[in-house]
């Protein structure tokens, strides 16, 4: 019979996280890209938490920047930002 651990002893944090750009480099096919307005950014890191490609990086000033080499332009970061500090703009 398997032993069941009490809930307070279970490890609930993720055991690993994906490498930056786990789906590979973006190349030239991205259509839109996120641009961070540093005046609006509070450094809450919700964009980092929800980025499926792990391309949000924290700067020394407590703000964020985007690693465009791996960013796919999905827009998740812009959608979750409560301060509207990230805008999706046409790649160009």
PDB file of N, CA and C in Angstrom:
ATOM      1  N   UNK A   1       0.833  -1.176   0.000  1.00  0.00           N
ATOM      2  CA  UNK A   1       0.000   0.000   0.000  1.00  0.00           C
ATOM      3  C   UNK A   1       0.882   1.244   0.000  1.00  0.00           C
ATOM      4  N   UNK A   2       0.561   2.224  -0.833  1.00  0.00           N
ATOM      5  CA  UNK A   2       1.344   3.453  -0.938  1.00  0.00           C
ATOM      6  C   UNK A   2       1.063   4.369   0.241  1.00  0.00           C
ATOM      7  N   UNK A   3       2.108   4.991   0.715  1.00  0.00           N
ATOM      8  CA  UNK A   3       1.975   5.931   1.828  1.00  0.00           C
ATOM      9  C   UNK A   3       1.603   7.314   1.283  1.00  0.00           C
ATOM     10  N   UNK A   4       0.619   7.947   1.870  1.00  0.00           N
ATOM     11  CA  UNK A   4       0.185   9.284   1.448  1.00  0.00           C
ATOM     12  C   UNK A   4       0.708  10.297   2.449  1.00  0.00           C
ATOM     13  N   UNK A   5       1.452  11.284   1.941  1.00  0.00           N
ATOM     14  CA  UNK A   5       2.035  12.326   2.793  1.00  0.00           C
ATOM     15  C   UNK A   5       0.969  13.362   3.154  1.00  0.00           C
ATOM     16  N   UNK A   6       1.034  13.918   4.354  1.00  0.00           N
ATOM     17  CA  UNK A   6       0.135  15.024   4.711  1.00  0.00           C
ATOM     18  C   UNK A   6       0.393  16.217   3.786  1.00  0.00           C
ATOM     19  N   UNK A   7      -0.625  16.998   3.531  1.00  0.00           N
ATOM     20  CA  UNK A   7      -0.531  18.110   2.585  1.00  0.00           C
ATOM     21  C   UNK A   7       0.570  19.093   2.949  1.00  0.00           C
ATOM     22  N   UNK A   8       0.811  19.325   4.236  1.00  0.00           N
ATOM     23  CA  UNK A   8       1.805  20.334   4.623  1.00  0.00           C
ATOM     24  C   UNK A   8       3.236  19.893   4.340  1.00  0.00           C
ATOM     25  N   UNK A   9       3.468  18.625   4.037  1.00  0.00           N
ATOM     26  CA  UNK A   9       4.829  18.169   3.752  1.00  0.00           C
ATOM     27  C   UNK A   9       5.106  18.054   2.262  1.00  0.00           C
ATOM     28  N   UNK A  10       4.112  18.257   1.435  1.00  0.00           N
ATOM     29  CA  UNK A  10       4.323  18.141  -0.010  1.00  0.00           C
ATOM     30  C   UNK A  10       5.051  19.355  -0.543  1.00  0.00           C
ATOM     31  N   UNK A  11       5.938  19.133  -1.487  1.00  0.00           N
ATOM     32  CA  UNK A  11       6.678  20.210  -2.138  1.00  0.00           C
ATOM     33  C   UNK A  11       5.832  20.706  -3.302  1.00  0.00           C
ATOM     34  N   UNK A  12       5.338  21.953  -3.205  1.00  0.00           N
ATOM     35  CA  UNK A  12       4.387  22.462  -4.184  1.00  0.00           C
ATOM     36  C   UNK A  12       5.001  23.386  -5.238  1.00  0.00           C
ATOM     37  N   UNK A  13       6.278  23.666  -5.167  1.00  0.00           N
ATOM     38  CA  UNK A  13       6.926  24.534  -6.152  1.00  0.00           C
ATOM     39  C   UNK A  13       7.353  23.707  -7.366  1.00  0.00           C
ATOM     40  N   UNK A  14       7.488  24.345  -8.528  1.00  0.00           N
ATOM     41  CA  UNK A  14       7.937  23.609  -9.700  1.00  0.00           C
ATOM     42  C   UNK A  14       9.342  23.048  -9.492  1.00  0.00           C
ATOM     43  N   UNK A  15       9.590  21.898 -10.028  1.00  0.00           N
ATOM     44  CA  UNK A  15      10.887  21.268  -9.871  1.00  0.00           C
ATOM     45  C   UNK A  15      11.897  21.775 -10.888  1.00  0.00           C
ATOM     46  N   UNK A  16      11.431  22.288 -11.999  1.00  0.00           N
ATOM     47  CA  UNK A  16      12.336  22.831 -13.008  1.00  0.00           C
ATOM     48  C   UNK A  16      11.603  23.899 -13.788  1.00  0.00           C
ATOM     49  N   UNK A  17      12.339  24.661 -14.565  1.00  0.00           N
ATOM     50  CA  UNK A  17      11.719  25.651 -15.427  1.00  0.00           C
ATOM     51  C   UNK A  17      12.342  25.531 -16.804  1.00  0.00           C
ATOM     52  N   UNK A  18      11.618  25.895 -17.854  1.00  0.00           N
ATOM     53  CA  UNK A  18      12.157  25.726 -19.194  1.00  0.00           C
ATOM     54  C   UNK A  18      13.335  26.658 -19.433  1.00  0.00           C
ATOM     55  N   UNK A  19      14.193  26.240 -20.314  1.00  0.00           N
ATOM     56  CA  UNK A  19      15.306  27.096 -20.725  1.00  0.00           C
ATOM     57  C   UNK A  19      14.750  28.256 -21.527  1.00  0.00           C
ATOM     58  N   UNK A  20      15.469  29.377 -21.576  1.00  0.00           N
ATOM     59  CA  UNK A  20      14.973  30.500 -22.384  1.00  0.00           C
ATOM     60  C   UNK A  20      14.702  30.063 -23.821  1.00  0.00           C
ATOM     61  N   UNK A  21      13.521  30.423 -24.309  1.00  0.00           N
ATOM     62  CA  UNK A  21      13.161  30.078 -25.677  1.00  0.00           C
ATOM     63  C   UNK A  21      13.174  28.587 -25.926  1.00  0.00           C
ATOM     64  N   UNK A  22      12.478  27.837 -25.103  1.00  0.00           N
ATOM     65  CA  UNK A  22      12.521  26.381 -25.194  1.00  0.00           C
ATOM     66  C   UNK A  22      12.071  25.856 -26.553  1.00  0.00           C
ATOM     67  N   UNK A  23      11.342  26.669 -27.305  1.00  0.00           N
ATOM     68  CA  UNK A  23      10.928  26.256 -28.650  1.00  0.00           C
ATOM     69  C   UNK A  23      11.934  26.706 -29.705  1.00  0.00           C
ATOM     70  N   UNK A  24      13.063  27.281 -29.301  1.00  0.00           N
ATOM     71  CA  UNK A  24      14.107  27.685 -30.232  1.00  0.00           C
ATOM     72  C   UNK A  24      14.066  29.162 -30.547  1.00  0.00           C
ATOM     73  N   UNK A  25      15.063  29.588 -31.311  1.00  0.00           N
ATOM     74  CA  UNK A  25      15.129  30.998 -31.720  1.00  0.00           C
ATOM     75  C   UNK A  25      13.964  31.331 -32.634  1.00  0.00           C
ATOM     76  N   UNK A  26      13.517  32.568 -32.532  1.00  0.00           N
ATOM     77  CA  UNK A  26      12.339  32.982 -33.282  1.00  0.00           C
ATOM     78  C   UNK A  26      12.609  33.142 -34.773  1.00  0.00           C
ATOM     79  N   UNK A  27      13.719  33.713 -35.139  1.00  0.00           N
ATOM     80  CA  UNK A  27      13.981  33.955 -36.552  1.00  0.00           C
ATOM     81  C   UNK A  27      13.253  35.196 -37.027  1.00  0.00           C
ATOM     82  N   UNK A  28      12.781  35.179 -38.260  1.00  0.00           N
ATOM     83  CA  UNK A  28      12.151  36.373 -38.844  1.00  0.00           C
ATOM     84  C   UNK A  28      10.641  36.252 -38.989  1.00  0.00           C
ATOM     85  N   UNK A  29      10.029  35.232 -38.448  1.00  0.00           N
ATOM     86  CA  UNK A  29       8.592  35.020 -38.683  1.00  0.00           C
ATOM     87  C   UNK A  29       7.682  35.729 -37.694  1.00  0.00           C
ATOM     88  N   UNK A  30       8.207  36.308 -36.611  1.00  0.00           N
ATOM     89  CA  UNK A  30       7.354  36.995 -35.631  1.00  0.00           C
ATOM     90  C   UNK A  30       6.700  38.203 -36.307  1.00  0.00           C
ATOM     91  N   UNK A  31       5.408  38.395 -36.089  1.00  0.00           N
ATOM     92  CA  UNK A  31       4.646  39.479 -36.720  1.00  0.00           C
ATOM     93  C   UNK A  31       4.536  40.688 -35.803  1.00  0.00           C
ATOM     94  N   UNK A  32       4.302  40.453 -34.516  1.00  0.00           N
ATOM     95  CA  UNK A  32       4.227  41.537 -33.524  1.00  0.00           C
ATOM     96  C   UNK A  32       5.187  41.220 -32.390  1.00  0.00           C
ATOM     97  N   UNK A  33       5.630  42.270 -31.699  1.00  0.00           N
ATOM     98  CA  UNK A  33       6.530  42.065 -30.570  1.00  0.00           C
ATOM     99  C   UNK A  33       6.098  42.942 -29.405  1.00  0.00           C
ATOM    100  N   UNK A  34       6.375  42.495 -28.175  1.00  0.00           N
ATOM    101  CA  UNK A  34       6.029  43.296 -27.005  1.00  0.00           C
ATOM    102  C   UNK A  34       7.071  44.383 -26.775  1.00  0.00           C
ATOM    103  N   UNK A  35       6.607  45.577 -26.470  1.00  0.00           N
ATOM    104  CA  UNK A  35       7.490  46.688 -26.130  1.00  0.00           C
ATOM    105  C   UNK A  35       7.092  47.178 -24.742  1.00  0.00           C
ATOM    106  N   UNK A  36       8.065  47.264 -23.848  1.00  0.00           N
ATOM    107  CA  UNK A  36       7.812  47.647 -22.458  1.00  0.00           C
ATOM    108  C   UNK A  36       7.961  49.159 -22.299  1.00  0.00           C
ATOM    109  N   UNK A  37       6.951  49.793 -21.714  1.00  0.00           N
ATOM    110  CA  UNK A  37       7.013  51.198 -21.346  1.00  0.00           C
ATOM    111  C   UNK A  37       7.562  51.235 -19.923  1.00  0.00           C
ATOM    112  N   UNK A  38       8.837  51.575 -19.785  1.00  0.00           N
ATOM    113  CA  UNK A  38       9.498  51.529 -18.483  1.00  0.00           C
ATOM    114  C   UNK A  38       8.941  52.533 -17.485  1.00  0.00           C
ATOM    115  N   UNK A  39       8.260  53.566 -17.977  1.00  0.00           N
ATOM    116  CA  UNK A  39       7.632  54.525 -17.065  1.00  0.00           C
ATOM    117  C   UNK A  39       6.413  53.918 -16.376  1.00  0.00           C
ATOM    118  N   UNK A  40       5.737  52.975 -17.039  1.00  0.00           N
ATOM    119  CA  UNK A  40       4.560  52.324 -16.462  1.00  0.00           C
ATOM    120  C   UNK A  40       4.902  51.045 -15.702  1.00  0.00           C
ATOM    121  N   UNK A  41       6.018  50.419 -16.044  1.00  0.00           N
ATOM    122  CA  UNK A  41       6.401  49.140 -15.434  1.00  0.00           C
ATOM    123  C   UNK A  41       6.740  49.331 -13.959  1.00  0.00           C
ATOM    124  N   UNK A  42       6.136  48.506 -13.112  1.00  0.00           N
ATOM    125  CA  UNK A  42       6.407  48.558 -11.673  1.00  0.00           C
ATOM    126  C   UNK A  42       7.308  47.412 -11.213  1.00  0.00           C
ATOM    127  N   UNK A  43       7.642  46.514 -12.124  1.00  0.00           N
ATOM    128  CA  UNK A  43       8.473  45.375 -11.760  1.00  0.00           C
ATOM    129  C   UNK A  43       7.723  44.295 -11.012  1.00  0.00           C
ATOM    130  N   UNK A  44       6.420  44.188 -11.217  1.00  0.00           N
ATOM    131  CA  UNK A  44       5.609  43.183 -10.508  1.00  0.00           C
ATOM    132  C   UNK A  44       5.926  41.761 -10.972  1.00  0.00           C
ATOM    133  N   UNK A  45       6.481  41.621 -12.148  1.00  0.00           N
ATOM    134  CA  UNK A  45       6.932  40.343 -12.713  1.00  0.00           C
ATOM    135  C   UNK A  45       5.823  39.375 -13.091  1.00  0.00           C
ATOM    136  N   UNK A  46       4.585  39.839 -13.225  1.00  0.00           N
ATOM    137  CA  UNK A  46       3.523  38.951 -13.706  1.00  0.00           C
ATOM    138  C   UNK A  46       3.816  38.505 -15.137  1.00  0.00           C
ATOM    139  N   UNK A  47       4.374  39.391 -15.945  1.00  0.00           N
ATOM    140  CA  UNK A  47       4.715  39.026 -17.322  1.00  0.00           C
ATOM    141  C   UNK A  47       5.729  37.882 -17.320  1.00  0.00           C
ATOM    142  N   UNK A  48       6.705  37.960 -16.426  1.00  0.00           N
ATOM    143  CA  UNK A  48       7.715  36.914 -16.307  1.00  0.00           C
ATOM    144  C   UNK A  48       7.074  35.590 -15.897  1.00  0.00           C
ATOM    145  N   UNK A  49       6.145  35.664 -14.971  1.00  0.00           N
ATOM    146  CA  UNK A  49       5.492  34.469 -14.462  1.00  0.00           C
ATOM    147  C   UNK A  49       4.719  33.731 -15.549  1.00  0.00           C
ATOM    148  N   UNK A  50       4.048  34.475 -16.423  1.00  0.00           N
ATOM    149  CA  UNK A  50       3.183  33.866 -17.425  1.00  0.00           C
ATOM    150  C   UNK A  50       3.832  33.649 -18.789  1.00  0.00           C
ATOM    151  N   UNK A  51       5.020  34.181 -19.030  1.00  0.00           N
ATOM    152  CA  UNK A  51       5.667  34.030 -20.342  1.00  0.00           C
ATOM    153  C   UNK A  51       5.947  32.555 -20.635  1.00  0.00           C
ATOM    154  N   UNK A  52       5.341  31.993 -21.698  1.00  0.00           N
ATOM    155  CA  UNK A  52       5.538  30.576 -21.984  1.00  0.00           C
ATOM    156  C   UNK A  52       6.936  30.261 -22.517  1.00  0.00           C
ATOM    157  N   UNK A  53       7.668  31.253 -22.970  1.00  0.00           N
ATOM    158  CA  UNK A  53       9.003  31.028 -23.518  1.00  0.00           C
ATOM    159  C   UNK A  53      10.131  31.472 -22.597  1.00  0.00           C
ATOM    160  N   UNK A  54       9.795  31.979 -21.413  1.00  0.00           N
ATOM    161  CA  UNK A  54      10.802  32.412 -20.442  1.00  0.00           C
ATOM    162  C   UNK A  54      11.744  33.469 -21.042  1.00  0.00           C
ATOM    163  N   UNK A  55      11.164  34.454 -21.734  1.00  0.00           N
ATOM    164  CA  UNK A  55      11.966  35.483 -22.386  1.00  0.00           C
ATOM    165  C   UNK A  55      11.892  36.840 -21.695  1.00  0.00           C
ATOM    166  N   UNK A  56      11.229  36.920 -20.558  1.00  0.00           N
ATOM    167  CA  UNK A  56      11.165  38.158 -19.790  1.00  0.00           C
ATOM    168  C   UNK A  56      12.325  38.146 -18.800  1.00  0.00           C
ATOM    169  N   UNK A  57      13.122  39.198 -18.834  1.00  0.00           N
ATOM    170  CA  UNK A  57      14.288  39.289 -17.965  1.00  0.00           C
ATOM    171  C   UNK A  57      14.157  40.502 -17.053  1.00  0.00           C
ATOM    172  N   UNK A  58      14.637  40.387 -15.826  1.00  0.00           N
ATOM    173  CA  UNK A  58      14.587  41.499 -14.877  1.00  0.00           C
ATOM    174  C   UNK A  58      15.872  42.305 -14.988  1.00  0.00           C
ATOM    175  N   UNK A  59      15.744  43.614 -15.068  1.00  0.00           N
ATOM    176  CA  UNK A  59      16.910  44.484 -15.148  1.00  0.00           C
ATOM    177  C   UNK A  59      17.380  44.837 -13.745  1.00  0.00           C
ATOM    178  N   UNK A  60      18.525  45.484 -13.646  1.00  0.00           N
ATOM    179  CA  UNK A  60      19.060  45.899 -12.363  1.00  0.00           C
ATOM    180  C   UNK A  60      18.216  46.957 -11.674  1.00  0.00           C
ATOM    181  N   UNK A  61      17.388  47.661 -12.447  1.00  0.00           N
ATOM    182  CA  UNK A  61      16.525  48.695 -11.884  1.00  0.00           C
ATOM    183  C   UNK A  61      15.189  48.143 -11.405  1.00  0.00           C
ATOM    184  N   UNK A  62      14.995  46.835 -11.459  1.00  0.00           N
ATOM    185  CA  UNK A  62      13.738  46.237 -11.021  1.00  0.00           C
ATOM    186  C   UNK A  62      12.661  46.246 -12.082  1.00  0.00           C
ATOM    187  N   UNK A  63      12.993  46.635 -13.286  1.00  0.00           N
ATOM    188  CA  UNK A  63      12.041  46.634 -14.403  1.00  0.00           C
ATOM    189  C   UNK A  63      12.260  45.360 -15.213  1.00  0.00           C
ATOM    190  N   UNK A  64      11.583  45.240 -16.340  1.00  0.00           N
ATOM    191  CA  UNK A  64      11.753  44.058 -17.182  1.00  0.00           C
ATOM    192  C   UNK A  64      12.213  44.458 -18.582  1.00  0.00           C
ATOM    193  N   UNK A  65      12.821  43.501 -19.251  1.00  0.00           N
ATOM    194  CA  UNK A  65      13.137  43.656 -20.666  1.00  0.00           C
ATOM    195  C   UNK A  65      12.829  42.336 -21.359  1.00  0.00           C
ATOM    196  N   UNK A  66      12.680  42.397 -22.666  1.00  0.00           N
ATOM    197  CA  UNK A  66      12.298  41.225 -23.452  1.00  0.00           C
ATOM    198  C   UNK A  66      13.513  40.713 -24.220  1.00  0.00           C
ATOM    199  N   UNK A  67      13.724  39.410 -24.213  1.00  0.00           N
ATOM    200  CA  UNK A  67      14.765  38.789 -25.029  1.00  0.00           C
ATOM    201  C   UNK A  67      14.141  38.486 -26.395  1.00  0.00           C
ATOM    202  N   UNK A  68      14.304  39.416 -27.346  1.00  0.00           N
ATOM    203  CA  UNK A  68      13.654  39.303 -28.647  1.00  0.00           C
ATOM    204  C   UNK A  68      14.207  38.163 -29.498  1.00  0.00           C
ATOM    205  N   UNK A  69      15.356  37.654 -29.161  1.00  0.00           N
ATOM    206  CA  UNK A  69      15.919  36.543 -29.923  1.00  0.00           C
ATOM    207  C   UNK A  69      15.045  35.291 -29.813  1.00  0.00           C
ATOM    208  N   UNK A  70      14.356  35.152 -28.658  1.00  0.00           N
ATOM    209  CA  UNK A  70      13.529  33.975 -28.424  1.00  0.00           C
ATOM    210  C   UNK A  70      12.031  34.278 -28.299  1.00  0.00           C
ATOM    211  N   UNK A  71      11.666  35.542 -28.121  1.00  0.00           N
ATOM    212  CA  UNK A  71      10.254  35.916 -27.975  1.00  0.00           C
ATOM    213  C   UNK A  71       9.481  35.562 -29.245  1.00  0.00           C
ATOM    214  N   UNK A  72       8.327  34.910 -29.067  1.00  0.00           N
ATOM    215  CA  UNK A  72       7.502  34.496 -30.212  1.00  0.00           C
ATOM    216  C   UNK A  72       6.406  35.510 -30.544  1.00  0.00           C
ATOM    217  N   UNK A  73       6.223  36.515 -29.700  1.00  0.00           N
ATOM    218  CA  UNK A  73       5.206  37.526 -29.967  1.00  0.00           C
ATOM    219  C   UNK A  73       3.798  37.054 -29.680  1.00  0.00           C
ATOM    220  N   UNK A  74       3.637  36.172 -28.699  1.00  0.00           N
ATOM    221  CA  UNK A  74       2.322  35.600 -28.408  1.00  0.00           C
ATOM    222  C   UNK A  74       1.379  36.605 -27.740  1.00  0.00           C
ATOM    223  N   UNK A  75       1.927  37.599 -27.022  1.00  0.00           N
ATOM    224  CA  UNK A  75       1.101  38.619 -26.384  1.00  0.00           C
ATOM    225  C   UNK A  75       0.614  38.291 -24.993  1.00  0.00           C
ATOM    226  N   UNK A  76       1.010  37.156 -24.441  1.00  0.00           N
ATOM    227  CA  UNK A  76       0.585  36.797 -23.095  1.00  0.00           C
ATOM    228  C   UNK A  76       1.047  37.857 -22.102  1.00  0.00           C
ATOM    229  N   UNK A  77       2.284  38.314 -22.231  1.00  0.00           N
ATOM    230  CA  UNK A  77       2.823  39.310 -21.294  1.00  0.00           C
ATOM    231  C   UNK A  77       1.999  40.594 -21.308  1.00  0.00           C
ATOM    232  N   UNK A  78       1.606  41.049 -22.484  1.00  0.00           N
ATOM    233  CA  UNK A  78       0.806  42.272 -22.594  1.00  0.00           C
ATOM    234  C   UNK A  78      -0.585  42.077 -21.996  1.00  0.00           C
ATOM    235  N   UNK A  79      -1.136  40.889 -22.137  1.00  0.00           N
ATOM    236  CA  UNK A  79      -2.474  40.617 -21.616  1.00  0.00           C
ATOM    237  C   UNK A  79      -2.515  40.512 -20.096  1.00  0.00           C
ATOM    238  N   UNK A  80      -1.438  40.045 -19.474  1.00  0.00           N
ATOM    239  CA  UNK A  80      -1.460  39.873 -18.019  1.00  0.00           C
ATOM    240  C   UNK A  80      -0.938  41.088 -17.258  1.00  0.00           C
ATOM    241  N   UNK A  81      -0.328  42.046 -17.940  1.00  0.00           N
ATOM    242  CA  UNK A  81       0.237  43.212 -17.252  1.00  0.00           C
ATOM    243  C   UNK A  81      -0.883  44.093 -16.692  1.00  0.00           C
ATOM    244  N   UNK A  82      -0.993  44.216 -15.360  1.00  0.00           N
ATOM    245  CA  UNK A  82      -2.075  45.003 -14.772  1.00  0.00           C
ATOM    246  C   UNK A  82      -1.892  46.503 -14.950  1.00  0.00           C
ATOM    247  N   UNK A  83      -0.694  46.937 -15.357  1.00  0.00           N
ATOM    248  CA  UNK A  83      -0.407  48.361 -15.504  1.00  0.00           C
ATOM    249  C   UNK A  83      -0.351  48.801 -16.964  1.00  0.00           C
ATOM    250  N   UNK A  84      -0.662  47.891 -17.877  1.00  0.00           N
ATOM    251  CA  UNK A  84      -0.646  48.163 -19.320  1.00  0.00           C
ATOM    252  C   UNK A  84       0.697  48.736 -19.752  1.00  0.00           C
ATOM    253  N   UNK A  85       1.774  48.175 -19.203  1.00  0.00           N
ATOM    254  CA  UNK A  85       3.129  48.648 -19.506  1.00  0.00           C
ATOM    255  C   UNK A  85       3.721  47.957 -20.723  1.00  0.00           C
ATOM    256  N   UNK A  86       3.046  46.942 -21.234  1.00  0.00           N
ATOM    257  CA  UNK A  86       3.548  46.212 -22.397  1.00  0.00           C
ATOM    258  C   UNK A  86       2.544  46.343 -23.523  1.00  0.00           C
ATOM    259  N   UNK A  87       3.037  46.801 -24.647  1.00  0.00           N
ATOM    260  CA  UNK A  87       2.188  46.984 -25.824  1.00  0.00           C
ATOM    261  C   UNK A  87       2.728  46.118 -26.955  1.00  0.00           C
ATOM    262  N   UNK A  88       1.840  45.460 -27.665  1.00  0.00           N
ATOM    263  CA  UNK A  88       2.234  44.663 -28.813  1.00  0.00           C
ATOM    264  C   UNK A  88       2.268  45.579 -30.031  1.00  0.00           C
ATOM    265  N   UNK A  89       3.422  45.663 -30.672  1.00  0.00           N
ATOM    266  CA  UNK A  89       3.579  46.522 -31.846  1.00  0.00           C
ATOM    267  C   UNK A  89       3.985  45.669 -33.045  1.00  0.00           C
ATOM    268  N   UNK A  90       3.632  46.152 -34.219  1.00  0.00           N
ATOM    269  CA  UNK A  90       3.953  45.436 -35.455  1.00  0.00           C
ATOM    270  C   UNK A  90       5.464  45.397 -35.627  1.00  0.00           C
ATOM    271  N   UNK A  91       5.965  44.206 -35.928  1.00  0.00           N
ATOM    272  CA  UNK A  91       7.395  44.006 -36.154  1.00  0.00           C
ATOM    273  C   UNK A  91       7.818  44.796 -37.370  1.00  0.00           C
ATOM    274  N   UNK A  92       8.938  45.470 -37.275  1.00  0.00           N
ATOM    275  CA  UNK A  92       9.328  46.248 -38.445  1.00  0.00           C
ATOM    276  C   UNK A  92      10.689  46.739 -38.471  1.00  0.00           C
TER     277      UNK A  92
END
